[in-house]
Amino acid sequence: MNRRKGGLFSLFDPRRVTSVDNNSKKRYKTVEVCKLFDVSRATLFRWEREGLISGPPRDWRNWRVYTPRNIKEIKRIIRARTTVA
């Protein structure tokens, strides 16, 4: 995980995540979500355990696959944490 000047969430730019459609069939791997939001896998899994992200569905290997709904939830979490800090 990259920690750069300005703190962990200062790199989040909502413009990087363009219009996510809830009806979209697009699924995101954990590594894709981590890179998109510059967060660690542990952070994603903690948010899931704490109930901040609804449990993402699993693929045939039992790996998490994040839906557009999960992406919106993650954006909401990051926005809320950046306004608090």
N, C-alpha and C. Protein backbone atom coordinates (compact mmCIF):
# COMPACT_ATOMS: atom_id res chain seq x y z
N MET A 1 0.85 -1.18 0.00
CA MET A 1 0.00 0.00 0.00
C MET A 1 0.89 1.23 0.00
N ASN A 2 0.54 2.17 -0.82
CA ASN A 2 1.29 3.41 -0.89
C ASN A 2 0.75 4.43 0.08
N ARG A 3 1.61 4.88 0.95
CA ARG A 3 1.23 5.98 1.84
C ARG A 3 2.03 7.18 1.39
N ARG A 4 1.35 8.13 0.84
CA ARG A 4 2.02 9.31 0.33
C ARG A 4 1.65 10.52 1.16
N LYS A 5 2.30 11.61 0.87
CA LYS A 5 2.05 12.86 1.57
C LYS A 5 0.56 13.19 1.56
N GLY A 6 0.03 13.54 2.71
CA GLY A 6 -1.36 13.94 2.79
C GLY A 6 -2.26 12.87 3.39
N GLY A 7 -1.72 11.72 3.75
CA GLY A 7 -2.52 10.69 4.38
C GLY A 7 -3.04 9.66 3.41
N LEU A 8 -3.62 8.64 3.97
CA LEU A 8 -4.06 7.48 3.21
C LEU A 8 -5.13 7.79 2.19
N PHE A 9 -6.12 8.58 2.55
CA PHE A 9 -7.25 8.79 1.66
C PHE A 9 -7.14 10.06 0.82
N SER A 10 -6.05 10.77 0.94
CA SER A 10 -5.93 12.01 0.18
C SER A 10 -5.78 11.74 -1.31
N LEU A 11 -5.42 10.51 -1.68
CA LEU A 11 -5.24 10.18 -3.09
C LEU A 11 -6.53 9.82 -3.79
N PHE A 12 -7.59 9.59 -3.04
CA PHE A 12 -8.84 9.19 -3.65
C PHE A 12 -9.40 10.33 -4.49
N ASP A 13 -9.64 10.04 -5.72
CA ASP A 13 -10.21 11.02 -6.63
C ASP A 13 -11.46 10.40 -7.24
N PRO A 14 -12.65 10.89 -6.87
CA PRO A 14 -13.89 10.29 -7.37
C PRO A 14 -13.96 10.25 -8.89
N ARG A 15 -13.19 11.09 -9.56
CA ARG A 15 -13.22 11.09 -11.02
C ARG A 15 -12.58 9.83 -11.58
N ARG A 16 -11.73 9.15 -10.78
CA ARG A 16 -11.10 7.91 -11.25
C ARG A 16 -12.14 6.80 -11.40
N VAL A 17 -13.20 6.86 -10.62
CA VAL A 17 -14.26 5.86 -10.69
C VAL A 17 -15.41 6.51 -11.44
N THR A 18 -15.51 6.22 -12.71
CA THR A 18 -16.53 6.85 -13.53
C THR A 18 -17.82 6.07 -13.46
N SER A 19 -18.90 6.75 -13.64
CA SER A 19 -20.26 6.25 -13.58
C SER A 19 -20.39 4.73 -13.45
N VAL A 20 -20.62 4.30 -12.24
CA VAL A 20 -20.82 2.88 -11.96
C VAL A 20 -22.32 2.64 -11.97
N ASP A 21 -22.74 1.77 -12.85
CA ASP A 21 -24.15 1.45 -13.02
C ASP A 21 -24.49 0.23 -12.17
N ASN A 22 -25.51 0.35 -11.31
CA ASN A 22 -25.90 -0.76 -10.45
C ASN A 22 -26.33 -1.99 -11.24
N ASN A 23 -26.82 -1.80 -12.44
CA ASN A 23 -27.29 -2.93 -13.23
C ASN A 23 -26.19 -3.54 -14.09
N SER A 24 -25.00 -2.95 -14.03
CA SER A 24 -23.88 -3.42 -14.82
C SER A 24 -23.48 -4.83 -14.39
N LYS A 25 -23.02 -5.61 -15.34
CA LYS A 25 -22.56 -6.97 -15.04
C LYS A 25 -21.08 -6.97 -14.67
N LYS A 26 -20.44 -5.81 -14.67
CA LYS A 26 -19.02 -5.71 -14.38
C LYS A 26 -18.75 -6.17 -12.95
N ARG A 27 -17.70 -6.97 -12.81
CA ARG A 27 -17.26 -7.42 -11.49
C ARG A 27 -15.79 -7.06 -11.34
N TYR A 28 -15.39 -6.71 -10.14
CA TYR A 28 -14.03 -6.26 -9.89
C TYR A 28 -13.35 -7.23 -8.93
N LYS A 29 -12.12 -7.62 -9.24
CA LYS A 29 -11.33 -8.45 -8.35
C LYS A 29 -10.84 -7.59 -7.19
N THR A 30 -10.46 -8.25 -6.11
CA THR A 30 -9.98 -7.54 -4.93
C THR A 30 -8.79 -6.64 -5.28
N VAL A 31 -7.87 -7.16 -6.05
CA VAL A 31 -6.68 -6.38 -6.40
C VAL A 31 -7.05 -5.14 -7.22
N GLU A 32 -8.06 -5.24 -8.06
CA GLU A 32 -8.51 -4.09 -8.85
C GLU A 32 -9.09 -3.00 -7.95
N VAL A 33 -9.90 -3.43 -6.99
CA VAL A 33 -10.51 -2.47 -6.06
C VAL A 33 -9.43 -1.80 -5.20
N CYS A 34 -8.46 -2.60 -4.76
CA CYS A 34 -7.36 -2.04 -3.95
C CYS A 34 -6.60 -0.98 -4.73
N LYS A 35 -6.30 -1.24 -5.98
CA LYS A 35 -5.57 -0.28 -6.80
C LYS A 35 -6.43 0.95 -7.11
N LEU A 36 -7.70 0.73 -7.36
CA LEU A 36 -8.60 1.82 -7.70
C LEU A 36 -8.71 2.84 -6.57
N PHE A 37 -8.79 2.34 -5.33
CA PHE A 37 -8.99 3.22 -4.18
C PHE A 37 -7.74 3.41 -3.33
N ASP A 38 -6.64 2.75 -3.69
CA ASP A 38 -5.39 2.82 -2.94
C ASP A 38 -5.60 2.43 -1.48
N VAL A 39 -6.23 1.27 -1.29
CA VAL A 39 -6.41 0.70 0.04
C VAL A 39 -5.87 -0.73 0.03
N SER A 40 -5.59 -1.26 1.19
CA SER A 40 -5.06 -2.62 1.27
C SER A 40 -6.20 -3.64 1.28
N ARG A 41 -5.84 -4.88 1.00
CA ARG A 41 -6.81 -5.97 1.07
C ARG A 41 -7.38 -6.08 2.48
N ALA A 42 -6.49 -5.94 3.47
CA ALA A 42 -6.92 -6.04 4.87
C ALA A 42 -7.98 -4.99 5.19
N THR A 43 -7.82 -3.79 4.65
CA THR A 43 -8.81 -2.73 4.88
C THR A 43 -10.15 -3.11 4.28
N LEU A 44 -10.13 -3.59 3.04
CA LEU A 44 -11.39 -4.01 2.40
C LEU A 44 -12.08 -5.10 3.21
N PHE A 45 -11.31 -6.09 3.63
CA PHE A 45 -11.89 -7.21 4.37
C PHE A 45 -12.40 -6.76 5.74
N ARG A 46 -11.71 -5.79 6.36
CA ARG A 46 -12.17 -5.26 7.65
C ARG A 46 -13.49 -4.53 7.47
N TRP A 47 -13.60 -3.72 6.42
CA TRP A 47 -14.86 -3.01 6.17
C TRP A 47 -15.99 -4.01 5.95
N GLU A 48 -15.69 -5.11 5.31
CA GLU A 48 -16.70 -6.15 5.10
C GLU A 48 -17.11 -6.78 6.44
N ARG A 49 -16.12 -7.11 7.28
CA ARG A 49 -16.40 -7.69 8.60
C ARG A 49 -17.23 -6.75 9.46
N GLU A 50 -16.92 -5.44 9.37
CA GLU A 50 -17.63 -4.45 10.19
C GLU A 50 -19.01 -4.11 9.64
N GLY A 51 -19.34 -4.63 8.46
CA GLY A 51 -20.65 -4.39 7.88
C GLY A 51 -20.76 -3.10 7.09
N LEU A 52 -19.63 -2.45 6.82
CA LEU A 52 -19.66 -1.21 6.05
C LEU A 52 -19.85 -1.49 4.56
N ILE A 53 -19.42 -2.68 4.13
CA ILE A 53 -19.61 -3.13 2.75
C ILE A 53 -20.46 -4.39 2.81
N SER A 54 -21.51 -4.42 2.00
CA SER A 54 -22.28 -5.66 1.95
C SER A 54 -21.40 -6.74 1.35
N GLY A 55 -21.55 -7.94 1.86
CA GLY A 55 -20.69 -9.05 1.44
C GLY A 55 -20.67 -9.23 -0.06
N PRO A 56 -19.50 -9.07 -0.68
CA PRO A 56 -19.43 -9.26 -2.13
C PRO A 56 -19.66 -10.72 -2.49
N PRO A 57 -20.26 -10.96 -3.64
CA PRO A 57 -20.44 -12.36 -4.06
C PRO A 57 -19.08 -13.01 -4.32
N ARG A 58 -19.09 -14.31 -4.44
CA ARG A 58 -17.87 -15.08 -4.66
C ARG A 58 -17.93 -15.75 -6.02
N ASP A 59 -16.77 -15.95 -6.60
CA ASP A 59 -16.71 -16.66 -7.87
C ASP A 59 -16.55 -18.17 -7.61
N TRP A 60 -16.30 -18.93 -8.65
CA TRP A 60 -16.22 -20.38 -8.52
C TRP A 60 -15.04 -20.83 -7.66
N ARG A 61 -14.05 -19.94 -7.46
CA ARG A 61 -12.89 -20.27 -6.61
C ARG A 61 -13.10 -19.79 -5.18
N ASN A 62 -14.26 -19.20 -4.93
CA ASN A 62 -14.61 -18.62 -3.64
C ASN A 62 -13.85 -17.31 -3.37
N TRP A 63 -13.39 -16.66 -4.42
CA TRP A 63 -12.75 -15.35 -4.31
C TRP A 63 -13.82 -14.28 -4.38
N ARG A 64 -13.60 -13.20 -3.65
CA ARG A 64 -14.55 -12.09 -3.69
C ARG A 64 -14.53 -11.41 -5.05
N VAL A 65 -15.71 -11.08 -5.54
CA VAL A 65 -15.85 -10.29 -6.77
C VAL A 65 -16.78 -9.13 -6.42
N TYR A 66 -16.24 -7.93 -6.50
CA TYR A 66 -16.98 -6.74 -6.08
C TYR A 66 -17.88 -6.24 -7.20
N THR A 67 -19.09 -5.88 -6.83
CA THR A 67 -20.10 -5.42 -7.76
C THR A 67 -20.10 -3.88 -7.79
N PRO A 68 -20.79 -3.30 -8.75
CA PRO A 68 -20.93 -1.84 -8.75
C PRO A 68 -21.52 -1.31 -7.45
N ARG A 69 -22.41 -2.07 -6.84
CA ARG A 69 -22.98 -1.66 -5.55
C ARG A 69 -21.88 -1.58 -4.48
N ASN A 70 -21.00 -2.59 -4.44
CA ASN A 70 -19.90 -2.57 -3.49
C ASN A 70 -18.98 -1.38 -3.73
N ILE A 71 -18.74 -1.05 -5.00
CA ILE A 71 -17.88 0.09 -5.35
C ILE A 71 -18.49 1.38 -4.82
N LYS A 72 -19.79 1.54 -4.97
CA LYS A 72 -20.46 2.74 -4.44
C LYS A 72 -20.35 2.80 -2.92
N GLU A 73 -20.46 1.65 -2.26
CA GLU A 73 -20.33 1.62 -0.80
C GLU A 73 -18.92 2.03 -0.37
N ILE A 74 -17.93 1.57 -1.10
CA ILE A 74 -16.54 1.91 -0.78
C ILE A 74 -16.31 3.41 -1.00
N LYS A 75 -16.85 3.96 -2.08
CA LYS A 75 -16.73 5.40 -2.33
C LYS A 75 -17.35 6.18 -1.18
N ARG A 76 -18.51 5.73 -0.70
CA ARG A 76 -19.19 6.40 0.41
C ARG A 76 -18.32 6.35 1.68
N ILE A 77 -17.71 5.22 1.96
CA ILE A 77 -16.86 5.08 3.15
C ILE A 77 -15.69 6.05 3.07
N ILE A 78 -15.03 6.08 1.92
CA ILE A 78 -13.86 6.93 1.77
C ILE A 78 -14.24 8.40 1.86
N ARG A 79 -15.34 8.77 1.24
CA ARG A 79 -15.80 10.16 1.33
C ARG A 79 -16.09 10.54 2.77
N ALA A 80 -16.75 9.65 3.52
CA ALA A 80 -17.09 9.93 4.90
C ALA A 80 -15.84 10.07 5.76
N ARG A 81 -14.86 9.24 5.51
CA ARG A 81 -13.63 9.29 6.32
C ARG A 81 -12.76 10.48 5.98
N THR A 82 -12.82 10.94 4.74
CA THR A 82 -12.01 12.11 4.38
C THR A 82 -12.62 13.39 4.95
N THR A 83 -13.94 13.43 5.10
CA THR A 83 -14.58 14.62 5.65
C THR A 83 -14.39 14.68 7.17
N VAL A 84 -14.25 13.53 7.81
CA VAL A 84 -14.04 13.48 9.25
C VAL A 84 -12.62 13.89 9.60
N ALA A 85 -11.68 13.45 8.79
CA ALA A 85 -10.25 13.72 9.07
C ALA A 85 -9.92 15.13 8.78
